[in-house]
Amino acid sequence: MELRFSKSSYSDGPYAACVEAASGVPDRYFRDSKNPGGGVLAFSPASCGAFIKALKSE
């Protein structure tokens, strides 16, 4: 399966260190926008919500 990643709108300007996200079946995928050839994190839909919530609390 080929994933289609989208870059965050925060990846420009002073917040250049961001992530790209893609949705696949059944998981959600994330990678470093500065290193798209590097590793990819995969989360189930349920754990993706918990991951994003934890990031926002940092």
N, C-alpha and C. Protein backbone atom coordinates (compact mmCIF):
# COMPACT_ATOMS: atom_id res chain seq x y z
N MET A 1 0.84 -1.16 0.00
CA MET A 1 0.00 0.00 0.00
C MET A 1 0.90 1.24 0.00
N GLU A 2 0.59 2.19 -0.88
CA GLU A 2 1.32 3.45 -0.91
C GLU A 2 0.56 4.48 -0.10
N LEU A 3 1.25 5.08 0.86
CA LEU A 3 0.63 6.08 1.72
C LEU A 3 0.79 7.46 1.12
N ARG A 4 -0.22 8.29 1.26
CA ARG A 4 -0.18 9.68 0.78
C ARG A 4 -0.11 10.58 2.01
N PHE A 5 1.09 11.06 2.29
CA PHE A 5 1.32 11.90 3.46
C PHE A 5 0.97 13.35 3.16
N SER A 6 0.43 14.01 4.17
CA SER A 6 0.12 15.44 4.10
C SER A 6 0.99 16.14 5.13
N LYS A 7 1.58 17.25 4.73
CA LYS A 7 2.41 18.03 5.63
C LYS A 7 1.54 18.99 6.43
N SER A 8 1.84 19.12 7.68
CA SER A 8 1.13 20.05 8.54
C SER A 8 1.34 21.47 8.06
N SER A 9 0.31 22.30 8.22
CA SER A 9 0.45 23.71 7.87
C SER A 9 1.46 24.40 8.78
N TYR A 10 1.79 23.81 9.91
CA TYR A 10 2.79 24.35 10.83
C TYR A 10 4.21 24.00 10.41
N SER A 11 4.39 23.28 9.30
CA SER A 11 5.72 22.89 8.85
C SER A 11 6.47 24.00 8.15
N ASP A 12 5.86 25.16 8.01
CA ASP A 12 6.52 26.30 7.40
C ASP A 12 6.84 27.34 8.48
N GLY A 13 7.70 28.26 8.15
CA GLY A 13 8.01 29.35 9.06
C GLY A 13 8.80 28.89 10.27
N PRO A 14 8.54 29.50 11.43
CA PRO A 14 9.34 29.21 12.62
C PRO A 14 9.10 27.81 13.19
N TYR A 15 8.06 27.13 12.74
CA TYR A 15 7.74 25.79 13.26
C TYR A 15 8.09 24.72 12.24
N ALA A 16 9.27 24.81 11.66
CA ALA A 16 9.65 23.94 10.55
C ALA A 16 9.86 22.48 10.95
N ALA A 17 9.95 22.17 12.21
CA ALA A 17 10.18 20.79 12.64
C ALA A 17 8.84 20.13 12.96
N CYS A 18 8.13 19.68 11.95
CA CYS A 18 6.81 19.10 12.15
C CYS A 18 6.72 17.70 11.55
N VAL A 19 5.53 17.19 11.55
CA VAL A 19 5.29 15.84 11.05
C VAL A 19 4.36 15.87 9.85
N GLU A 20 4.37 14.76 9.13
CA GLU A 20 3.41 14.51 8.05
C GLU A 20 2.54 13.35 8.51
N ALA A 21 1.31 13.34 8.08
CA ALA A 21 0.37 12.29 8.49
C ALA A 21 -0.29 11.67 7.27
N ALA A 22 -0.63 10.39 7.41
CA ALA A 22 -1.36 9.67 6.36
C ALA A 22 -2.33 8.71 7.03
N SER A 23 -3.46 8.50 6.41
CA SER A 23 -4.43 7.52 6.88
C SER A 23 -4.40 6.33 5.96
N GLY A 24 -4.38 5.17 6.55
CA GLY A 24 -4.42 3.93 5.79
C GLY A 24 -5.39 2.99 6.46
N VAL A 25 -5.49 1.81 5.95
CA VAL A 25 -6.38 0.81 6.54
C VAL A 25 -5.51 -0.22 7.24
N PRO A 26 -5.63 -0.43 8.50
CA PRO A 26 -6.55 0.20 9.44
C PRO A 26 -5.91 1.31 10.26
N ASP A 27 -4.67 1.66 9.99
CA ASP A 27 -3.92 2.53 10.89
C ASP A 27 -3.77 3.96 10.40
N ARG A 28 -3.17 4.80 11.27
CA ARG A 28 -2.78 6.17 10.96
C ARG A 28 -1.26 6.20 11.04
N TYR A 29 -0.63 6.94 10.13
CA TYR A 29 0.82 6.92 10.01
C TYR A 29 1.39 8.33 10.13
N PHE A 30 2.57 8.43 10.75
CA PHE A 30 3.23 9.71 10.95
C PHE A 30 4.70 9.56 10.63
N ARG A 31 5.29 10.64 10.07
CA ARG A 31 6.72 10.66 9.81
C ARG A 31 7.24 12.09 9.96
N ASP A 32 8.53 12.22 10.09
CA ASP A 32 9.20 13.51 10.23
C ASP A 32 9.19 14.23 8.89
N SER A 33 8.68 15.46 8.86
CA SER A 33 8.60 16.19 7.60
C SER A 33 9.98 16.58 7.06
N LYS A 34 10.98 16.64 7.93
CA LYS A 34 12.34 16.96 7.48
C LYS A 34 13.10 15.72 7.02
N ASN A 35 12.58 14.53 7.33
CA ASN A 35 13.24 13.28 6.96
C ASN A 35 12.19 12.28 6.49
N PRO A 36 11.53 12.55 5.35
CA PRO A 36 10.44 11.67 4.91
C PRO A 36 10.88 10.26 4.55
N GLY A 37 12.16 10.05 4.31
CA GLY A 37 12.66 8.71 4.02
C GLY A 37 13.00 7.92 5.27
N GLY A 38 12.87 8.55 6.43
CA GLY A 38 13.18 7.87 7.69
C GLY A 38 12.04 6.98 8.14
N GLY A 39 11.99 6.69 9.40
CA GLY A 39 10.99 5.79 9.94
C GLY A 39 9.59 6.37 9.94
N VAL A 40 8.62 5.48 10.06
CA VAL A 40 7.21 5.84 10.10
C VAL A 40 6.60 5.22 11.35
N LEU A 41 5.84 6.02 12.08
CA LEU A 41 5.10 5.51 13.23
C LEU A 41 3.69 5.13 12.78
N ALA A 42 3.22 3.97 13.21
CA ALA A 42 1.86 3.52 12.87
C ALA A 42 1.06 3.36 14.16
N PHE A 43 -0.16 3.89 14.15
CA PHE A 43 -1.05 3.82 15.30
C PHE A 43 -2.42 3.34 14.87
N SER A 44 -3.06 2.55 15.73
CA SER A 44 -4.46 2.21 15.51
C SER A 44 -5.26 3.50 15.70
N PRO A 45 -6.49 3.58 15.17
CA PRO A 45 -7.28 4.79 15.38
C PRO A 45 -7.45 5.16 16.85
N ALA A 46 -7.65 4.18 17.71
CA ALA A 46 -7.83 4.47 19.14
C ALA A 46 -6.55 5.00 19.77
N SER A 47 -5.42 4.37 19.48
CA SER A 47 -4.17 4.82 20.09
C SER A 47 -3.70 6.12 19.45
N CYS A 48 -4.10 6.41 18.22
CA CYS A 48 -3.74 7.67 17.57
C CYS A 48 -4.33 8.85 18.34
N GLY A 49 -5.57 8.74 18.75
CA GLY A 49 -6.20 9.79 19.52
C GLY A 49 -5.49 10.04 20.85
N ALA A 50 -5.09 8.96 21.51
CA ALA A 50 -4.37 9.09 22.77
C ALA A 50 -2.99 9.71 22.54
N PHE A 51 -2.33 9.34 21.47
CA PHE A 51 -1.01 9.89 21.13
C PHE A 51 -1.11 11.40 20.89
N ILE A 52 -2.07 11.84 20.11
CA ILE A 52 -2.24 13.26 19.80
C ILE A 52 -2.60 14.04 21.06
N LYS A 53 -3.44 13.47 21.89
CA LYS A 53 -3.80 14.12 23.15
C LYS A 53 -2.56 14.29 24.03
N ALA A 54 -1.71 13.28 24.09
CA ALA A 54 -0.49 13.37 24.89
C ALA A 54 0.46 14.43 24.33
N LEU A 55 0.57 14.52 23.01
CA LEU A 55 1.42 15.54 22.39
C LEU A 55 0.93 16.95 22.73
N LYS A 56 -0.36 17.14 22.68
CA LYS A 56 -0.92 18.46 22.95
C LYS A 56 -0.73 18.87 24.40
N SER A 57 -0.61 17.92 25.30
CA SER A 57 -0.44 18.24 26.72
C SER A 57 1.01 18.58 27.06
N GLU A 58 1.92 18.34 26.14
CA GLU A 58 3.36 18.65 26.37
C GLU A 58 3.63 20.11 26.31
